[in-house]
């Protein structure tokens, strides 16, 4: 097992970090003093994002990763191992844009399987490959969705995949707690970024009408909480799902 000493620069991996919420979280991790690995499927987007963060003074590295491909995930693990180990993982990569509109009985099997492979199996594959690289403590933040809490219609495959992320978070928290690794999930609302540009106006209207905080949600509305969940201050918080959606859902 490769262990990262507390005295070393701590590495945080953010998947799907080439744009939107993933990039915002990678930027915040860099600002918090972490070395950041931007794991991104699109090589041009990922390299550009890493260069952007380096120009801002952050210690940022790009690693191409397809979370649906076990071999690609293993390559990410090898890249992180060469950096000397791991402290944090933000499992953000997912397919969200252009996936809604059909009722559950009309979703074809290929589309269902694609969503589950990327959104549910992907975070498991990444955590499976990277967990041996954690040192004496660590943080995992899985990105779920408040759609799974609300039960959004015409999104059955998407909310099922994000519900699986919530269940995975709880299982991993139980299994990794004795190693000092916390595992929590953020459940964002509809966040305005490139990944949600194709979301129908109907859903935007639903959120606008039912948020307690009426303004549109931005990626930076989540980065502060992600920063806390990656910090030492969250060391006794694990297995939790925190909805960040301006009060669209309330526990």
C-alpha atoms as a PDB file:
ATOM      1  CA  UNK A   1       0.000   0.000   0.000  1.00  0.00           C
ATOM      2  CA  UNK A   2       1.322   3.435  -0.921  1.00  0.00           C
ATOM      3  CA  UNK A   3       0.854   5.890   1.920  1.00  0.00           C
ATOM      4  CA  UNK A   4       0.927   9.658   1.707  1.00  0.00           C
ATOM      5  CA  UNK A   5       2.586  11.200   4.734  1.00  0.00           C
ATOM      6  CA  UNK A   6       0.754  14.070   6.455  1.00  0.00           C
ATOM      7  CA  UNK A   7       3.931  16.118   5.974  1.00  0.00           C
ATOM      8  CA  UNK A   8       3.790  15.789   2.196  1.00  0.00           C
ATOM      9  CA  UNK A   9       1.694  17.804  -0.222  1.00  0.00           C
ATOM     10  CA  UNK A  10      -1.617  16.006  -0.174  1.00  0.00           C
ATOM     11  CA  UNK A  11      -3.140  14.891  -3.456  1.00  0.00           C
ATOM     12  CA  UNK A  12      -6.831  15.138  -4.307  1.00  0.00           C
ATOM     13  CA  UNK A  13      -8.305  13.521  -7.432  1.00  0.00           C
ATOM     14  CA  UNK A  14     -11.400  15.073  -8.994  1.00  0.00           C
ATOM     15  CA  UNK A  15     -13.085  13.096 -11.759  1.00  0.00           C
ATOM     16  CA  UNK A  16     -14.950  14.881 -14.531  1.00  0.00           C
ATOM     17  CA  UNK A  17     -12.852  17.936 -13.700  1.00  0.00           C
ATOM     18  CA  UNK A  18     -12.551  19.447 -17.162  1.00  0.00           C
ATOM     19  CA  UNK A  19     -15.520  21.787 -16.778  1.00  0.00           C
ATOM     20  CA  UNK A  20     -18.459  22.837 -14.646  1.00  0.00           C
ATOM     21  CA  UNK A  21     -18.809  21.547 -11.117  1.00  0.00           C
ATOM     22  CA  UNK A  22     -15.746  19.293 -11.343  1.00  0.00           C
ATOM     23  CA  UNK A  23     -13.513  22.150 -12.425  1.00  0.00           C
ATOM     24  CA  UNK A  24     -14.908  24.400  -9.695  1.00  0.00           C
ATOM     25  CA  UNK A  25     -14.150  21.741  -7.087  1.00  0.00           C
ATOM     26  CA  UNK A  26     -10.658  21.171  -8.469  1.00  0.00           C
ATOM     27  CA  UNK A  27      -9.993  24.918  -8.348  1.00  0.00           C
ATOM     28  CA  UNK A  28     -11.148  25.103  -4.722  1.00  0.00           C
ATOM     29  CA  UNK A  29      -9.006  22.108  -3.767  1.00  0.00           C
ATOM     30  CA  UNK A  30      -6.015  23.819  -5.334  1.00  0.00           C
ATOM     31  CA  UNK A  31      -6.794  27.012  -3.434  1.00  0.00           C
ATOM     32  CA  UNK A  32      -6.920  24.944  -0.244  1.00  0.00           C
ATOM     33  CA  UNK A  33      -3.332  23.871  -0.837  1.00  0.00           C
ATOM     34  CA  UNK A  34      -3.853  20.409  -2.285  1.00  0.00           C
ATOM     35  CA  UNK A  35      -2.105  18.981  -5.310  1.00  0.00           C
ATOM     36  CA  UNK A  36      -4.993  18.341  -7.693  1.00  0.00           C
ATOM     37  CA  UNK A  37      -5.321  15.632 -10.335  1.00  0.00           C
ATOM     38  CA  UNK A  38      -7.977  16.537 -12.882  1.00  0.00           C
ATOM     39  CA  UNK A  39      -9.270  13.211 -14.212  1.00  0.00           C
ATOM     40  CA  UNK A  40     -11.186  13.943 -17.400  1.00  0.00           C
ATOM     41  CA  UNK A  41     -12.403  11.940 -20.386  1.00  0.00           C
ATOM     42  CA  UNK A  42     -11.863  14.688 -22.971  1.00  0.00           C
ATOM     43  CA  UNK A  43      -8.072  15.170 -23.272  1.00  0.00           C
ATOM     44  CA  UNK A  44      -8.227  18.672 -24.731  1.00  0.00           C
ATOM     45  CA  UNK A  45     -10.689  19.863 -22.124  1.00  0.00           C
ATOM     46  CA  UNK A  46      -8.736  18.260 -19.289  1.00  0.00           C
ATOM     47  CA  UNK A  47      -5.344  19.559 -20.372  1.00  0.00           C
ATOM     48  CA  UNK A  48      -6.781  23.032 -20.859  1.00  0.00           C
ATOM     49  CA  UNK A  49      -8.387  23.015 -17.412  1.00  0.00           C
ATOM     50  CA  UNK A  50      -5.181  21.865 -15.718  1.00  0.00           C
ATOM     51  CA  UNK A  51      -3.189  24.570 -17.502  1.00  0.00           C
ATOM     52  CA  UNK A  52      -5.783  27.133 -16.421  1.00  0.00           C
ATOM     53  CA  UNK A  53      -5.370  26.114 -12.782  1.00  0.00           C
ATOM     54  CA  UNK A  54      -1.572  26.154 -13.032  1.00  0.00           C
ATOM     55  CA  UNK A  55      -1.740  29.681 -14.443  1.00  0.00           C
ATOM     56  CA  UNK A  56      -3.644  30.623 -11.274  1.00  0.00           C
ATOM     57  CA  UNK A  57      -0.828  29.224  -9.140  1.00  0.00           C
ATOM     58  CA  UNK A  58      -2.287  25.812  -8.290  1.00  0.00           C
ATOM     59  CA  UNK A  59      -0.429  22.489  -8.345  1.00  0.00           C
ATOM     60  CA  UNK A  60      -2.580  20.827 -10.999  1.00  0.00           C
ATOM     61  CA  UNK A  61      -2.101  17.735 -13.158  1.00  0.00           C
ATOM     62  CA  UNK A  62      -4.244  16.252 -15.903  1.00  0.00           C
ATOM     63  CA  UNK A  63      -4.863  12.531 -16.258  1.00  0.00           C
ATOM     64  CA  UNK A  64      -7.171  11.222 -18.948  1.00  0.00           C
ATOM     65  CA  UNK A  65      -9.733   8.868 -17.464  1.00  0.00           C
ATOM     66  CA  UNK A  66     -12.858   7.149 -18.718  1.00  0.00           C
ATOM     67  CA  UNK A  67     -14.630   6.043 -15.537  1.00  0.00           C
ATOM     68  CA  UNK A  68     -16.593   3.472 -17.542  1.00  0.00           C
ATOM     69  CA  UNK A  69     -13.385   1.696 -18.599  1.00  0.00           C
ATOM     70  CA  UNK A  70     -11.597  -0.373 -15.911  1.00  0.00           C
ATOM     71  CA  UNK A  71      -8.277  -0.218 -17.792  1.00  0.00           C
ATOM     72  CA  UNK A  72      -8.479   3.582 -17.967  1.00  0.00           C
ATOM     73  CA  UNK A  73      -9.251   3.775 -14.257  1.00  0.00           C
ATOM     74  CA  UNK A  74      -6.236   1.563 -13.527  1.00  0.00           C
ATOM     75  CA  UNK A  75      -4.091   3.980 -15.531  1.00  0.00           C
ATOM     76  CA  UNK A  76      -5.379   6.814 -13.356  1.00  0.00           C
ATOM     77  CA  UNK A  77      -4.378   4.842 -10.263  1.00  0.00           C
ATOM     78  CA  UNK A  78      -0.885   4.301 -11.664  1.00  0.00           C
ATOM     79  CA  UNK A  79      -0.567   8.031 -12.355  1.00  0.00           C
ATOM     80  CA  UNK A  80      -1.590   8.897  -8.793  1.00  0.00           C
ATOM     81  CA  UNK A  81       0.770   6.265  -7.382  1.00  0.00           C
ATOM     82  CA  UNK A  82       3.655   7.968  -9.173  1.00  0.00           C
ATOM     83  CA  UNK A  83       2.724  11.206  -7.414  1.00  0.00           C
ATOM     84  CA  UNK A  84       3.237   9.487  -4.076  1.00  0.00           C
ATOM     85  CA  UNK A  85      -0.212   8.510  -2.863  1.00  0.00           C
ATOM     86  CA  UNK A  86      -3.616   9.983  -2.204  1.00  0.00           C
ATOM     87  CA  UNK A  87      -5.511  11.964   0.407  1.00  0.00           C
ATOM     88  CA  UNK A  88      -8.824  12.865  -1.251  1.00  0.00           C
ATOM     89  CA  UNK A  89     -11.164  11.790  -4.024  1.00  0.00           C
ATOM     90  CA  UNK A  90     -14.113  13.673  -5.463  1.00  0.00           C
ATOM     91  CA  UNK A  91     -16.192  11.241  -7.543  1.00  0.00           C
ATOM     92  CA  UNK A  92     -17.858  13.805  -9.795  1.00  0.00           C
ATOM     93  CA  UNK A  93     -17.812  12.333 -13.313  1.00  0.00           C
ATOM     94  CA  UNK A  94     -21.301  11.485 -14.547  1.00  0.00           C
ATOM     95  CA  UNK A  95     -23.617  11.700 -17.511  1.00  0.00           C
ATOM     96  CA  UNK A  96     -26.402  14.207 -16.821  1.00  0.00           C
ATOM     97  CA  UNK A  97     -27.071  16.282 -19.910  1.00  0.00           C
ATOM     98  CA  UNK A  98     -29.831  15.300 -22.311  1.00  0.00           C
ATOM     99  CA  UNK A  99     -30.840  12.167 -20.402  1.00  0.00           C
ATOM    100  CA  UNK A 100     -34.397  13.050 -19.348  1.00  0.00           C
ATOM    101  CA  UNK A 101     -37.785  13.233 -21.001  1.00  0.00           C
ATOM    102  CA  UNK A 102     -38.951   9.631 -21.140  1.00  0.00           C
ATOM    103  CA  UNK A 103     -41.087   7.820 -18.619  1.00  0.00           C
ATOM    104  CA  UNK A 104     -39.509   4.744 -17.069  1.00  0.00           C
ATOM    105  CA  UNK A 105     -41.237   2.249 -19.357  1.00  0.00           C
ATOM    106  CA  UNK A 106     -40.008   4.039 -22.487  1.00  0.00           C
ATOM    107  CA  UNK A 107     -36.304   4.098 -21.634  1.00  0.00           C
ATOM    108  CA  UNK A 108     -34.390   1.665 -23.826  1.00  0.00           C
ATOM    109  CA  UNK A 109     -32.063  -0.882 -22.287  1.00  0.00           C
ATOM    110  CA  UNK A 110     -28.944   0.528 -23.941  1.00  0.00           C
ATOM    111  CA  UNK A 111     -29.557   4.003 -22.489  1.00  0.00           C
ATOM    112  CA  UNK A 112     -30.331   2.567 -19.054  1.00  0.00           C
ATOM    113  CA  UNK A 113     -27.132   0.507 -19.052  1.00  0.00           C
ATOM    114  CA  UNK A 114     -25.020   3.435 -20.244  1.00  0.00           C
ATOM    115  CA  UNK A 115     -26.262   5.651 -17.385  1.00  0.00           C
ATOM    116  CA  UNK A 116     -25.672   2.947 -14.808  1.00  0.00           C
ATOM    117  CA  UNK A 117     -22.218   2.141 -16.169  1.00  0.00           C
ATOM    118  CA  UNK A 118     -20.993   5.735 -16.012  1.00  0.00           C
ATOM    119  CA  UNK A 119     -22.902   7.138 -13.048  1.00  0.00           C
ATOM    120  CA  UNK A 120     -23.087   4.169 -10.672  1.00  0.00           C
ATOM    121  CA  UNK A 121     -20.332   1.747 -11.645  1.00  0.00           C
ATOM    122  CA  UNK A 122     -17.880   4.564 -12.430  1.00  0.00           C
ATOM    123  CA  UNK A 123     -17.531   5.917  -8.862  1.00  0.00           C
ATOM    124  CA  UNK A 124     -17.190   2.370  -7.556  1.00  0.00           C
ATOM    125  CA  UNK A 125     -14.475   1.540 -10.091  1.00  0.00           C
ATOM    126  CA  UNK A 126     -12.522   4.704  -9.258  1.00  0.00           C
ATOM    127  CA  UNK A 127     -12.759   4.163  -5.497  1.00  0.00           C
ATOM    128  CA  UNK A 128     -11.872   0.485  -5.934  1.00  0.00           C
ATOM    129  CA  UNK A 129      -8.711   1.375  -7.861  1.00  0.00           C
ATOM    130  CA  UNK A 130      -7.620   4.315  -5.716  1.00  0.00           C
ATOM    131  CA  UNK A 131      -8.382   3.216  -2.174  1.00  0.00           C
ATOM    132  CA  UNK A 132      -5.066   1.316  -1.732  1.00  0.00           C
ATOM    133  CA  UNK A 133      -3.254   4.621  -2.303  1.00  0.00           C
ATOM    134  CA  UNK A 134      -4.751   6.353   0.731  1.00  0.00           C
ATOM    135  CA  UNK A 135      -2.500   6.916   3.718  1.00  0.00           C
ATOM    136  CA  UNK A 136      -3.460   6.919   7.413  1.00  0.00           C
ATOM    137  CA  UNK A 137      -6.425   9.174   6.738  1.00  0.00           C
ATOM    138  CA  UNK A 138      -8.430  10.282   3.725  1.00  0.00           C
ATOM    139  CA  UNK A 139     -11.566  11.808   2.338  1.00  0.00           C
ATOM    140  CA  UNK A 140     -13.969  10.632  -0.366  1.00  0.00           C
ATOM    141  CA  UNK A 141     -16.753  12.888  -1.617  1.00  0.00           C
ATOM    142  CA  UNK A 142     -19.253  11.286  -3.985  1.00  0.00           C
ATOM    143  CA  UNK A 143     -21.476  13.538  -6.085  1.00  0.00           C
ATOM    144  CA  UNK A 144     -25.046  12.271  -6.047  1.00  0.00           C
ATOM    145  CA  UNK A 145     -28.104  14.368  -6.977  1.00  0.00           C
ATOM    146  CA  UNK A 146     -31.121  15.778  -5.215  1.00  0.00           C
ATOM    147  CA  UNK A 147     -33.154  14.314  -8.096  1.00  0.00           C
ATOM    148  CA  UNK A 148     -32.750  10.939  -6.363  1.00  0.00           C
ATOM    149  CA  UNK A 149     -34.146  12.437  -3.143  1.00  0.00           C
ATOM    150  CA  UNK A 150     -37.022  14.215  -4.851  1.00  0.00           C
ATOM    151  CA  UNK A 151     -37.940  11.361  -7.192  1.00  0.00           C
ATOM    152  CA  UNK A 152     -37.885  13.468 -10.326  1.00  0.00           C
ATOM    153  CA  UNK A 153     -40.214  12.177 -13.068  1.00  0.00           C
ATOM    154  CA  UNK A 154     -38.972  11.191 -16.513  1.00  0.00           C
ATOM    155  CA  UNK A 155     -35.484  10.597 -15.138  1.00  0.00           C
ATOM    156  CA  UNK A 156     -35.816   7.060 -13.792  1.00  0.00           C
ATOM    157  CA  UNK A 157     -32.453   5.819 -15.066  1.00  0.00           C
ATOM    158  CA  UNK A 158     -30.603   8.934 -13.872  1.00  0.00           C
ATOM    159  CA  UNK A 159     -32.111   9.025 -10.390  1.00  0.00           C
ATOM    160  CA  UNK A 160     -31.605   5.285 -10.027  1.00  0.00           C
ATOM    161  CA  UNK A 161     -27.915   5.726 -10.825  1.00  0.00           C
ATOM    162  CA  UNK A 162     -27.602   8.576  -8.329  1.00  0.00           C
ATOM    163  CA  UNK A 163     -29.543   6.606  -5.734  1.00  0.00           C
ATOM    164  CA  UNK A 164     -26.918   3.913  -6.183  1.00  0.00           C
ATOM    165  CA  UNK A 165     -24.219   6.500  -5.445  1.00  0.00           C
ATOM    166  CA  UNK A 166     -25.969   7.306  -2.162  1.00  0.00           C
ATOM    167  CA  UNK A 167     -26.112   3.614  -1.212  1.00  0.00           C
ATOM    168  CA  UNK A 168     -22.471   3.137  -2.245  1.00  0.00           C
ATOM    169  CA  UNK A 169     -21.479   6.084  -0.055  1.00  0.00           C
ATOM    170  CA  UNK A 170     -22.989   4.444   3.013  1.00  0.00           C
ATOM    171  CA  UNK A 171     -21.461   1.035   2.284  1.00  0.00           C
ATOM    172  CA  UNK A 172     -17.991   2.523   1.716  1.00  0.00           C
ATOM    173  CA  UNK A 173     -18.267   4.646   4.862  1.00  0.00           C
ATOM    174  CA  UNK A 174     -18.861   1.485   6.910  1.00  0.00           C
ATOM    175  CA  UNK A 175     -15.976  -0.363   5.313  1.00  0.00           C
ATOM    176  CA  UNK A 176     -13.364   2.422   5.271  1.00  0.00           C
ATOM    177  CA  UNK A 177     -14.049   4.022   8.639  1.00  0.00           C
ATOM    178  CA  UNK A 178     -11.479   1.969  10.531  1.00  0.00           C
ATOM    179  CA  UNK A 179      -8.822   3.242   8.134  1.00  0.00           C
ATOM    180  CA  UNK A 180      -9.640   6.837   8.974  1.00  0.00           C
ATOM    181  CA  UNK A 181     -11.208   7.431   5.549  1.00  0.00           C
ATOM    182  CA  UNK A 182     -14.501   9.311   5.565  1.00  0.00           C
ATOM    183  CA  UNK A 183     -17.007   8.908   2.755  1.00  0.00           C
ATOM    184  CA  UNK A 184     -19.808  11.410   2.231  1.00  0.00           C
ATOM    185  CA  UNK A 185     -22.051  12.472  -0.624  1.00  0.00           C
ATOM    186  CA  UNK A 186     -23.212  15.833  -1.885  1.00  0.00           C
ATOM    187  CA  UNK A 187     -26.588  15.931  -3.606  1.00  0.00           C
ATOM    188  CA  UNK A 188     -26.640  19.085  -5.745  1.00  0.00           C
ATOM    189  CA  UNK A 189     -29.734  20.615  -7.201  1.00  0.00           C
ATOM    190  CA  UNK A 190     -29.941  21.715 -10.811  1.00  0.00           C
ATOM    191  CA  UNK A 191     -26.654  23.568 -11.197  1.00  0.00           C
ATOM    192  CA  UNK A 192     -26.066  25.994 -14.038  1.00  0.00           C
ATOM    193  CA  UNK A 193     -22.962  24.833 -15.901  1.00  0.00           C
ATOM    194  CA  UNK A 194     -21.938  23.286 -19.215  1.00  0.00           C
ATOM    195  CA  UNK A 195     -23.025  19.809 -18.143  1.00  0.00           C
ATOM    196  CA  UNK A 196     -26.647  20.906 -17.699  1.00  0.00           C
ATOM    197  CA  UNK A 197     -27.068  23.179 -20.710  1.00  0.00           C
ATOM    198  CA  UNK A 198     -29.432  20.693 -22.345  1.00  0.00           C
ATOM    199  CA  UNK A 199     -31.761  20.315 -19.360  1.00  0.00           C
ATOM    200  CA  UNK A 200     -35.340  21.166 -20.428  1.00  0.00           C
ATOM    201  CA  UNK A 201     -36.800  24.507 -19.353  1.00  0.00           C
ATOM    202  CA  UNK A 202     -39.532  22.595 -17.544  1.00  0.00           C
ATOM    203  CA  UNK A 203     -37.018  21.354 -14.965  1.00  0.00           C
ATOM    204  CA  UNK A 204     -35.430  24.783 -14.601  1.00  0.00           C
ATOM    205  CA  UNK A 205     -38.893  26.150 -13.932  1.00  0.00           C
ATOM    206  CA  UNK A 206     -39.618  23.435 -11.361  1.00  0.00           C
ATOM    207  CA  UNK A 207     -36.524  24.357  -9.369  1.00  0.00           C
ATOM    208  CA  UNK A 208     -37.102  28.097  -9.705  1.00  0.00           C
ATOM    209  CA  UNK A 209     -40.635  27.757  -8.364  1.00  0.00           C
ATOM    210  CA  UNK A 210     -39.790  25.507  -5.423  1.00  0.00           C
ATOM    211  CA  UNK A 211     -36.403  26.602  -4.068  1.00  0.00           C
ATOM    212  CA  UNK A 212     -36.384  28.461  -0.763  1.00  0.00           C
ATOM    213  CA  UNK A 213     -33.480  30.464  -2.207  1.00  0.00           C
ATOM    214  CA  UNK A 214     -34.884  31.429  -5.571  1.00  0.00           C
ATOM    215  CA  UNK A 215     -31.761  32.326  -7.536  1.00  0.00           C
ATOM    216  CA  UNK A 216     -30.191  29.749  -9.890  1.00  0.00           C
ATOM    217  CA  UNK A 217     -27.616  27.402  -8.383  1.00  0.00           C
ATOM    218  CA  UNK A 218     -23.969  27.869  -9.401  1.00  0.00           C
ATOM    219  CA  UNK A 219     -21.004  25.470  -9.076  1.00  0.00           C
ATOM    220  CA  UNK A 220     -19.426  27.623  -6.376  1.00  0.00           C
ATOM    221  CA  UNK A 221     -22.494  27.064  -4.204  1.00  0.00           C
ATOM    222  CA  UNK A 222     -21.076  23.577  -3.575  1.00  0.00           C
ATOM    223  CA  UNK A 223     -17.341  24.148  -3.377  1.00  0.00           C
ATOM    224  CA  UNK A 224     -17.305  25.423   0.206  1.00  0.00           C
ATOM    225  CA  UNK A 225     -19.006  22.306   1.526  1.00  0.00           C
ATOM    226  CA  UNK A 226     -16.783  20.083  -0.608  1.00  0.00           C
ATOM    227  CA  UNK A 227     -13.797  21.926   0.880  1.00  0.00           C
ATOM    228  CA  UNK A 228     -15.083  21.160   4.386  1.00  0.00           C
ATOM    229  CA  UNK A 229     -15.633  17.481   3.550  1.00  0.00           C
ATOM    230  CA  UNK A 230     -12.035  17.239   2.311  1.00  0.00           C
ATOM    231  CA  UNK A 231     -10.657  18.933   5.416  1.00  0.00           C
ATOM    232  CA  UNK A 232      -9.502  17.667   8.809  1.00  0.00           C
ATOM    233  CA  UNK A 233     -12.524  19.382  10.367  1.00  0.00           C
ATOM    234  CA  UNK A 234     -14.813  16.731   8.851  1.00  0.00           C
ATOM    235  CA  UNK A 235     -12.864  13.825  10.348  1.00  0.00           C
ATOM    236  CA  UNK A 236     -15.838  12.528  12.369  1.00  0.00           C
ATOM    237  CA  UNK A 237     -18.469  12.980   9.677  1.00  0.00           C
ATOM    238  CA  UNK A 238     -19.054   9.997   7.426  1.00  0.00           C
ATOM    239  CA  UNK A 239     -21.814   8.166   5.581  1.00  0.00           C
ATOM    240  CA  UNK A 240     -23.868  11.331   5.170  1.00  0.00           C
ATOM    241  CA  UNK A 241     -25.792  12.685   2.189  1.00  0.00           C
ATOM    242  CA  UNK A 242     -26.050  16.466   2.146  1.00  0.00           C
ATOM    243  CA  UNK A 243     -28.467  18.138  -0.243  1.00  0.00           C
ATOM    244  CA  UNK A 244     -27.228  21.484  -1.559  1.00  0.00           C
ATOM    245  CA  UNK A 245     -30.080  22.925  -3.589  1.00  0.00           C
ATOM    246  CA  UNK A 246     -31.276  26.160  -2.033  1.00  0.00           C
ATOM    247  CA  UNK A 247     -33.972  24.351  -0.091  1.00  0.00           C
ATOM    248  CA  UNK A 248     -35.609  22.598  -3.049  1.00  0.00           C
ATOM    249  CA  UNK A 249     -35.649  19.487  -0.868  1.00  0.00           C
ATOM    250  CA  UNK A 250     -35.511  19.585   2.922  1.00  0.00           C
ATOM    251  CA  UNK A 251     -34.779  16.662   5.215  1.00  0.00           C
END
